[in-house]
Amino acid sequence: MKTMLILAAATVASLLAHDPAIAAKARSKQAFVATAGDPDARGSAAFVLASASQGSFKVKVKRLDRNAAFAVIVNGVQVATLATNRGGKGRVSFRTRPRGKDLPLGFDPRGAAVVVRNAAGADVLVATIPVVGATIGAGDLVCCVPDDSGPECEDRTQAECDAEGGTVVAGATSCLPNPCTGAPAVGDDANLICCLPDDSGPECEDRTQAECLAGGGLVVRATSCVPEPCAPIPPAGGDVVCCLPDNGGDGAPECEDLSADACGAAGGAVANGMSCAANPCGAGGGGGGGNPTVRVTCERRSDRSRISVNGSNLAAGSYQARVRSGAQSATHPAKTAIGDEVEFDFDSEPDDIAAGALAIPAGFIEGTPPQVTGQILGAGGGVLVDSTVTCEQQ
């Protein structure tokens, strides 16, 4: 009997580890914090993860200005306009498979800074969404596994992905929504507009769903990039450099560009500095306190692309790296700096991928001469430092 119980427990554990429909289910509800822009405002954000690549996200507000329009902003990108009724209440719903009045959930809200901003540019509500449910683990990749109903997105090592006949999505860091080519489109595929991260603000581009998500972008409902659907109304008085309490679990404060009201409401402190690039939140945190630097090296062969991006003089915390060459783009999952340095490898060679490099296609490096731009990304996906180099060619 004891042996049977052990076997049963092992079977359940195996199912939880390998069945994304079982392992991924999770939910959270986060209350918004009111700012000085409207101290009576109230609201909440609820997230439900139904499977690894399906979920819903709802924003509800009350005690706001009546019959007014508010921007819902996720990590600096306007993802919706919320209208209040004559009682000052309003809501907006996102779903990976929209129905009724749902908007497409073209982003992963977990860990994101969410702001509700009025038409005058005042942030009235702010929240950071908790990270819950199944996420891509350290050392794993986003793998598209063939399935009769369309490619399934799962976290796998390179070897596991290959064994299941899957394909790794270079640059993707989440299965929500599904970044696999041929996956069910988020919303109306004919109206697929992508808001890509950039150090000067979100950039609007026409992209396929797979291209958008592999580049770290957000899918929004729009018919074109004119008028600009990604950039919200600037906050009244401009942004400040805000040091927020740790949300990544590494104990390091996070730097964000927020309005002064939103910074205070989120429990942050305004830093002395013009931008997050100089790591004003990291002083005394065990890392670098000066200007970050990056060293990019790359090599192109007929059957291989190899890129290394090494950041230094960084504050304690987690960072990502993004590489671009021609029309190609890939973003490495976050890594924690060791001392004041962090290193990222991108490669198409199976042995190097198995050793921890992010998988990229053999023809990733483009151009004559071949060139690559490497970037170190900080909190919220902002570019801290970048460098463009000409690659060795063999």
Protein backbone atom coordinates (compact mmCIF):
# COMPACT_ATOMS: atom_id res chain seq x y z
CA MET A 1 0.00 0.00 0.00
CA LYS A 2 2.83 2.40 0.90
CA THR A 3 4.47 1.71 -2.47
CA MET A 4 1.20 2.43 -4.28
CA LEU A 5 0.80 5.74 -2.44
CA ILE A 6 4.34 6.77 -3.36
CA LEU A 7 3.72 5.88 -7.02
CA ALA A 8 0.44 7.82 -7.02
CA ALA A 9 2.14 10.87 -5.52
CA ALA A 10 4.90 10.66 -8.12
CA THR A 11 2.32 10.46 -10.89
CA VAL A 12 0.52 13.57 -9.63
CA ALA A 13 3.81 15.44 -9.33
CA SER A 14 4.72 14.45 -12.89
CA LEU A 15 1.38 15.71 -14.18
CA LEU A 16 1.80 19.00 -12.38
CA ALA A 17 5.28 19.42 -13.80
CA HIS A 18 4.50 18.55 -17.42
CA ASP A 19 0.83 19.38 -18.02
CA PRO A 20 0.62 23.18 -18.55
CA ALA A 21 -3.17 23.09 -18.19
CA ILE A 22 -2.74 21.80 -14.65
CA ALA A 23 0.44 23.52 -13.53
CA ALA A 24 -0.37 26.97 -14.83
CA LYS A 25 -3.74 27.65 -13.18
CA ALA A 26 -3.49 30.58 -10.80
CA ARG A 27 -5.21 33.83 -9.91
CA SER A 28 -4.48 37.07 -8.08
CA LYS A 29 -6.31 40.26 -7.12
CA GLN A 30 -4.44 43.47 -6.40
CA ALA A 31 -5.91 46.67 -4.96
CA PHE A 32 -4.91 49.94 -6.61
CA VAL A 33 -3.35 52.68 -4.53
CA ALA A 34 -4.87 56.15 -4.91
CA THR A 35 -2.58 59.09 -5.60
CA ALA A 36 -2.77 62.74 -4.60
CA GLY A 37 -4.38 63.31 -8.00
CA ASP A 38 -7.59 61.71 -6.67
CA PRO A 39 -7.23 60.43 -3.09
CA ASP A 40 -10.81 59.10 -3.00
CA ALA A 41 -10.29 56.84 -6.03
CA ARG A 42 -10.55 53.09 -5.54
CA GLY A 43 -10.05 50.07 -7.76
CA SER A 44 -8.58 46.61 -8.25
CA ALA A 45 -6.90 44.49 -10.91
CA ALA A 46 -7.66 40.77 -11.16
CA PHE A 47 -5.60 38.25 -13.14
CA VAL A 48 -6.58 34.65 -13.94
CA LEU A 49 -4.19 32.20 -15.62
CA ALA A 50 -6.26 29.38 -17.12
CA SER A 51 -3.35 27.63 -18.85
CA ALA A 52 0.22 28.45 -19.86
CA SER A 53 -0.97 30.59 -22.80
CA GLN A 54 -4.54 31.54 -21.85
CA GLY A 55 -5.72 34.05 -19.29
CA SER A 56 -7.79 37.10 -18.43
CA PHE A 57 -7.11 40.45 -16.80
CA LYS A 58 -9.76 42.83 -15.41
CA VAL A 59 -9.43 46.39 -14.15
CA LYS A 60 -12.29 47.83 -12.04
CA VAL A 61 -12.45 51.38 -10.70
CA LYS A 62 -14.87 53.50 -8.67
CA ARG A 63 -15.10 56.95 -7.10
CA LEU A 64 -13.49 58.52 -10.18
CA ASP A 65 -14.73 61.53 -12.14
CA ARG A 66 -18.14 60.82 -13.65
CA ASN A 67 -18.63 60.22 -17.38
CA ALA A 68 -14.91 60.57 -18.02
CA ALA A 69 -12.23 58.71 -19.99
CA PHE A 70 -9.09 57.27 -18.40
CA ALA A 71 -6.03 55.61 -19.94
CA VAL A 72 -5.02 52.17 -18.65
CA ILE A 73 -1.24 51.98 -18.93
CA VAL A 74 0.85 48.81 -18.54
CA ASN A 75 4.61 49.27 -18.28
CA GLY A 76 4.40 52.60 -20.09
CA VAL A 77 2.11 51.41 -22.91
CA GLN A 78 -1.53 52.46 -23.17
CA VAL A 79 -3.46 49.23 -23.58
CA ALA A 80 -7.03 50.54 -23.21
CA THR A 81 -9.31 53.49 -22.56
CA LEU A 82 -11.64 53.06 -19.59
CA ALA A 83 -14.90 55.05 -19.46
CA THR A 84 -16.67 55.76 -16.19
CA ASN A 85 -20.46 55.99 -15.82
CA ARG A 86 -22.46 58.69 -14.08
CA GLY A 87 -21.61 57.06 -10.76
CA GLY A 88 -17.86 57.25 -11.36
CA LYS A 89 -17.48 53.50 -11.88
CA GLY A 90 -15.86 51.72 -14.81
CA ARG A 91 -14.19 48.51 -15.89
CA VAL A 92 -12.23 47.01 -18.75
CA SER A 93 -11.60 43.33 -19.42
CA PHE A 94 -8.83 41.62 -21.39
CA ARG A 95 -8.83 38.00 -22.51
CA THR A 96 -6.50 35.94 -24.70
CA ARG A 97 -9.59 34.72 -26.52
CA PRO A 98 -11.86 37.79 -26.40
CA ARG A 99 -15.61 37.48 -26.21
CA GLY A 100 -18.27 40.15 -26.00
CA LYS A 101 -16.69 43.46 -24.96
CA ASP A 102 -13.36 41.90 -24.01
CA LEU A 103 -10.17 43.44 -25.36
CA PRO A 104 -7.31 41.18 -26.46
CA LEU A 105 -4.87 40.26 -23.70
CA GLY A 106 -1.78 40.88 -25.80
CA PHE A 107 0.61 41.09 -22.84
CA ASP A 108 1.59 39.27 -19.67
CA PRO A 109 0.49 41.51 -16.76
CA ARG A 110 2.46 39.62 -14.10
CA GLY A 111 5.02 41.87 -12.46
CA ALA A 112 3.82 44.87 -14.50
CA ALA A 113 3.26 48.41 -13.24
CA VAL A 114 -0.36 49.38 -14.05
CA VAL A 115 -1.47 53.02 -13.97
CA VAL A 116 -4.88 54.65 -14.48
CA ARG A 117 -4.37 58.19 -15.85
CA ASN A 118 -6.97 60.90 -16.49
CA ALA A 119 -7.24 63.13 -19.56
CA ALA A 120 -5.30 65.91 -17.82
CA GLY A 121 -2.29 63.65 -17.41
CA ALA A 122 -2.75 62.97 -13.69
CA ASP A 123 -2.16 59.42 -12.49
CA VAL A 124 -5.03 58.60 -10.14
CA LEU A 125 -4.49 54.90 -9.43
CA VAL A 126 -1.35 52.71 -9.49
CA ALA A 127 -0.59 49.04 -8.77
CA THR A 128 2.05 46.39 -9.36
CA ILE A 129 0.58 43.02 -10.37
CA PRO A 130 1.93 40.00 -8.42
CA VAL A 131 3.77 37.24 -10.24
CA VAL A 132 1.70 34.05 -9.90
CA GLY A 133 1.35 30.75 -11.72
CA ALA A 134 3.69 28.99 -14.10
CA THR A 135 6.41 31.14 -15.64
CA ILE A 136 9.47 30.33 -17.72
CA GLY A 137 11.99 28.93 -15.26
CA ALA A 138 15.70 29.65 -15.11
CA GLY A 139 17.52 27.69 -17.82
CA ASP A 140 14.31 26.91 -19.70
CA LEU A 141 13.24 28.24 -23.09
CA VAL A 142 9.91 29.06 -24.72
CA CYS A 143 9.16 25.98 -26.81
CA CYS A 144 6.42 25.58 -29.43
CA VAL A 145 5.30 21.95 -29.41
CA PRO A 146 3.20 20.70 -32.37
CA ASP A 147 -0.42 19.88 -31.56
CA ASP A 148 -3.54 19.10 -33.59
CA SER A 149 -5.26 22.24 -32.30
CA GLY A 150 -2.26 24.48 -32.97
CA PRO A 151 1.22 24.82 -31.46
CA GLU A 152 1.33 24.57 -27.67
CA CYS A 153 3.67 26.93 -25.83
CA GLU A 154 5.58 25.29 -22.99
CA ASP A 155 8.77 25.87 -20.99
CA ARG A 156 11.40 23.30 -21.92
CA THR A 157 15.15 22.89 -22.04
CA GLN A 158 16.60 22.84 -25.55
CA ALA A 159 17.00 19.05 -25.35
CA GLU A 160 13.41 18.51 -24.14
CA CYS A 161 12.06 20.82 -26.85
CA ASP A 162 14.01 18.96 -29.56
CA ALA A 163 12.86 15.58 -28.23
CA GLU A 164 9.20 16.65 -28.57
CA GLY A 165 9.70 18.00 -32.08
CA GLY A 166 9.29 21.55 -30.87
CA THR A 167 10.80 24.88 -31.92
CA VAL A 168 12.38 27.41 -29.57
CA VAL A 169 11.14 31.02 -29.89
CA ALA A 170 14.24 33.20 -29.66
CA GLY A 171 13.63 36.24 -27.48
CA ALA A 172 10.26 35.20 -26.01
CA THR A 173 10.10 35.21 -22.20
CA SER A 174 6.49 34.12 -21.60
CA CYS A 175 3.81 31.85 -23.03
CA LEU A 176 1.15 34.46 -22.29
CA PRO A 177 -0.07 35.10 -24.89
CA ASN A 178 1.12 32.29 -27.14
CA PRO A 179 4.15 33.51 -29.16
CA CYS A 180 4.28 30.48 -31.45
CA THR A 181 3.89 30.94 -35.21
CA GLY A 182 0.51 29.52 -36.19
CA ALA A 183 -0.96 29.89 -32.70
CA PRO A 184 -4.51 31.28 -32.38
CA ALA A 185 -4.25 35.04 -32.81
CA VAL A 186 -4.97 37.40 -29.94
CA GLY A 187 -8.07 39.30 -31.01
CA ASP A 188 -8.57 40.20 -34.66
CA ASP A 189 -5.50 39.08 -36.63
CA ALA A 190 -6.25 41.72 -39.29
CA ASN A 191 -5.86 44.48 -36.67
CA LEU A 192 -2.59 43.27 -35.13
CA ILE A 193 -0.59 46.27 -33.93
CA CYS A 194 2.53 45.82 -31.82
CA CYS A 195 3.96 48.24 -29.22
CA LEU A 196 7.68 47.48 -28.98
CA PRO A 197 9.86 48.68 -26.07
CA ASP A 198 12.36 51.45 -26.84
CA ASP A 199 14.46 53.78 -24.71
CA SER A 200 12.62 56.80 -26.16
CA GLY A 201 9.16 55.32 -25.50
CA PRO A 202 7.03 52.53 -27.00
CA GLU A 203 7.24 52.19 -30.77
CA CYS A 204 4.23 51.16 -32.86
CA GLU A 205 4.90 48.60 -35.60
CA ASP A 206 2.95 46.18 -37.79
CA ARG A 207 4.05 42.72 -36.70
CA THR A 208 2.78 39.17 -36.66
CA GLN A 209 1.84 37.93 -33.21
CA ALA A 210 4.96 35.74 -33.04
CA GLU A 211 7.27 38.59 -34.13
CA CYS A 212 5.72 41.03 -31.67
CA LEU A 213 5.96 38.78 -28.63
CA ALA A 214 9.45 37.51 -29.51
CA GLY A 215 10.57 41.16 -29.54
CA GLY A 216 9.15 41.82 -26.09
CA GLY A 217 6.21 43.81 -27.47
CA LEU A 218 2.56 44.16 -26.48
CA VAL A 219 -0.31 43.42 -28.87
CA VAL A 220 -2.97 46.16 -28.76
CA ARG A 221 -6.31 46.60 -30.50
CA ALA A 222 -5.84 49.18 -33.24
CA THR A 223 -6.17 49.34 -37.00
CA SER A 224 -2.96 51.27 -37.67
CA CYS A 225 -0.13 53.18 -36.02
CA VAL A 226 -1.81 56.50 -36.93
CA PRO A 227 -2.90 57.95 -34.61
CA GLU A 228 -0.28 56.58 -32.20
CA PRO A 229 -1.98 53.83 -30.10
CA CYS A 230 0.95 52.96 -27.82
CA ALA A 231 2.10 56.16 -26.12
CA PRO A 232 -0.29 57.54 -23.47
CA ILE A 233 -0.82 61.22 -22.64
CA PRO A 234 2.35 62.35 -20.81
CA PRO A 235 1.87 62.69 -17.04
CA ALA A 236 1.20 66.20 -15.74
CA GLY A 237 4.48 67.73 -14.64
CA GLY A 238 6.45 65.01 -16.45
CA ASP A 239 7.98 61.80 -15.13
CA VAL A 240 10.39 61.50 -12.24
CA VAL A 241 13.00 58.83 -11.62
CA CYS A 242 11.41 56.61 -8.97
CA CYS A 243 13.04 53.92 -6.83
CA LEU A 244 10.38 51.32 -6.06
CA PRO A 245 10.43 48.56 -3.44
CA ASP A 246 11.71 45.23 -4.72
CA ASN A 247 9.26 43.30 -6.90
CA GLY A 248 11.65 40.84 -8.49
CA GLY A 249 12.57 38.96 -5.35
CA ASP A 250 16.29 39.82 -5.42
CA GLY A 251 16.09 42.52 -2.76
CA ALA A 252 17.20 45.31 -5.08
CA PRO A 253 15.11 48.48 -5.55
CA GLU A 254 13.63 48.91 -9.01
CA CYS A 255 13.96 52.09 -11.05
CA GLU A 256 10.94 53.31 -13.06
CA ASP A 257 9.93 56.49 -14.86
CA LEU A 258 6.67 57.49 -13.13
CA SER A 259 4.77 60.62 -12.23
CA ALA A 260 5.60 61.99 -8.78
CA ASP A 261 2.11 61.06 -7.54
CA ALA A 262 2.36 57.50 -8.84
CA CYS A 263 5.82 57.09 -7.33
CA GLY A 264 4.63 58.14 -3.88
CA ALA A 265 1.47 56.03 -4.09
CA ALA A 266 3.51 52.94 -4.97
CA GLY A 267 5.72 53.41 -1.92
CA GLY A 268 8.68 54.63 -3.96
CA ALA A 269 11.12 57.47 -3.48
CA VAL A 270 12.11 60.10 -6.06
CA ALA A 271 15.80 59.66 -6.93
CA ASN A 272 18.41 62.25 -7.77
CA GLY A 273 19.05 61.65 -11.45
CA MET A 274 17.80 62.36 -14.93
CA SER A 275 17.05 58.75 -15.90
CA CYS A 276 17.24 55.13 -14.76
CA ALA A 277 20.26 54.60 -17.04
CA ALA A 278 22.65 55.79 -14.31
CA ASN A 279 21.18 53.34 -11.77
CA PRO A 280 20.29 55.98 -9.16
CA CYS A 281 18.53 53.35 -7.06
CA GLY A 282 21.55 51.07 -6.75
CA ALA A 283 23.90 53.19 -4.67
CA GLY A 284 25.02 51.17 -1.68
CA GLY A 285 23.30 48.08 -3.01
CA GLY A 286 26.48 46.13 -3.64
CA GLY A 287 26.70 46.86 -7.35
CA GLY A 288 28.08 49.63 -9.49
CA GLY A 289 26.92 53.16 -8.91
CA GLY A 290 28.26 54.85 -12.06
CA ASN A 291 27.27 54.72 -15.70
CA PRO A 292 26.64 51.20 -17.03
CA THR A 293 28.73 49.91 -19.92
CA VAL A 294 28.22 47.06 -22.38
CA ARG A 295 30.58 44.97 -24.49
CA VAL A 296 29.12 43.22 -27.53
CA THR A 297 30.95 40.54 -29.52
CA CYS A 298 29.53 38.51 -32.41
CA GLU A 299 30.48 36.03 -35.10
CA ARG A 300 28.70 34.96 -38.26
CA ARG A 301 29.41 31.77 -40.17
CA SER A 302 27.50 30.15 -43.00
CA ASP A 303 25.83 27.82 -40.50
CA ARG A 304 26.03 29.73 -37.23
CA SER A 305 25.30 33.02 -35.44
CA ARG A 306 26.94 33.76 -32.06
CA ILE A 307 26.52 36.88 -29.90
CA SER A 308 27.67 37.83 -26.40
CA VAL A 309 26.40 40.87 -24.48
CA ASN A 310 28.26 41.67 -21.27
CA GLY A 311 27.11 44.51 -19.02
CA SER A 312 29.22 46.04 -16.26
CA ASN A 313 29.17 48.83 -13.68
CA LEU A 314 25.59 47.83 -12.86
CA ALA A 315 23.66 48.15 -9.62
CA ALA A 316 22.51 45.02 -7.78
CA GLY A 317 19.40 43.61 -9.46
CA SER A 318 18.11 41.71 -12.47
CA TYR A 319 18.63 42.64 -16.12
CA GLN A 320 17.72 41.45 -19.61
CA ALA A 321 19.67 41.71 -22.85
CA ARG A 322 18.25 42.37 -26.31
CA VAL A 323 20.11 41.88 -29.61
CA ARG A 324 19.07 43.18 -33.00
CA SER A 325 20.43 42.58 -36.49
CA GLY A 326 18.55 43.73 -39.56
CA ALA A 327 14.94 42.59 -39.08
CA GLN A 328 15.92 40.05 -36.40
CA SER A 329 15.42 40.63 -32.66
CA ALA A 330 15.84 38.42 -29.58
CA THR A 331 15.50 39.17 -25.86
CA HIS A 332 17.25 37.07 -23.21
CA PRO A 333 15.30 36.28 -20.00
CA ALA A 334 16.34 38.21 -16.90
CA LYS A 335 19.54 37.33 -15.05
CA THR A 336 20.78 38.63 -11.71
CA ALA A 337 23.98 40.68 -11.76
CA ILE A 338 26.98 39.14 -10.02
CA GLY A 339 28.90 41.97 -8.40
CA ASP A 340 28.40 44.73 -10.95
CA GLU A 341 28.38 42.48 -14.02
CA VAL A 342 25.93 40.36 -16.00
CA GLU A 343 26.64 38.21 -19.06
CA PHE A 344 24.29 36.98 -21.80
CA ASP A 345 24.98 34.54 -24.64
CA PHE A 346 22.96 34.02 -27.82
CA ASP A 347 23.84 31.13 -30.14
CA SER A 348 22.55 28.79 -32.81
CA GLU A 349 24.99 26.00 -31.90
CA PRO A 350 23.17 23.17 -30.05
CA ASP A 351 26.06 22.54 -27.61
CA ASP A 352 26.19 26.22 -26.57
CA ILE A 353 22.39 26.35 -26.27
CA ALA A 354 22.49 23.30 -24.00
CA ALA A 355 25.11 25.13 -21.92
CA GLY A 356 22.72 28.04 -21.34
CA ALA A 357 22.89 30.30 -24.40
CA LEU A 358 19.58 31.64 -25.76
CA ALA A 359 18.72 29.89 -29.02
CA ILE A 360 18.73 32.05 -32.16
CA PRO A 361 18.53 31.00 -35.83
CA ALA A 362 21.75 30.26 -37.69
CA GLY A 363 20.96 33.17 -40.03
CA PHE A 364 20.13 35.63 -37.24
CA ILE A 365 23.05 37.99 -37.96
CA GLU A 366 22.32 40.04 -41.08
CA GLY A 367 23.87 42.82 -43.14
CA THR A 368 26.92 43.58 -45.26
CA PRO A 369 29.04 43.93 -43.26
CA PRO A 370 27.23 41.89 -40.60
CA GLN A 371 26.28 44.06 -37.62
CA VAL A 372 24.59 43.55 -34.27
CA THR A 373 23.20 45.99 -31.70
CA GLY A 374 23.32 44.71 -28.13
CA GLN A 375 21.34 46.32 -25.31
CA ILE A 376 21.15 45.89 -21.53
CA LEU A 377 17.55 46.34 -20.32
CA GLY A 378 16.59 47.45 -16.83
CA ALA A 379 13.28 47.47 -14.94
CA GLY A 380 10.26 47.86 -17.19
CA GLY A 381 12.28 46.98 -20.31
CA GLY A 382 14.01 50.36 -20.60
CA VAL A 383 17.37 50.44 -22.38
CA LEU A 384 20.20 51.23 -19.94
CA VAL A 385 23.05 51.09 -22.44
CA ASP A 386 23.62 49.78 -25.96
CA SER A 387 26.36 49.27 -28.53
CA THR A 388 26.44 48.44 -32.25
CA VAL A 389 29.37 46.40 -33.53
CA THR A 390 30.54 44.75 -36.75
CA CYS A 391 30.76 40.98 -36.41
CA GLU A 392 33.58 38.64 -37.28
CA GLN A 393 32.76 36.67 -40.42
CA GLN A 394 34.02 33.25 -41.43
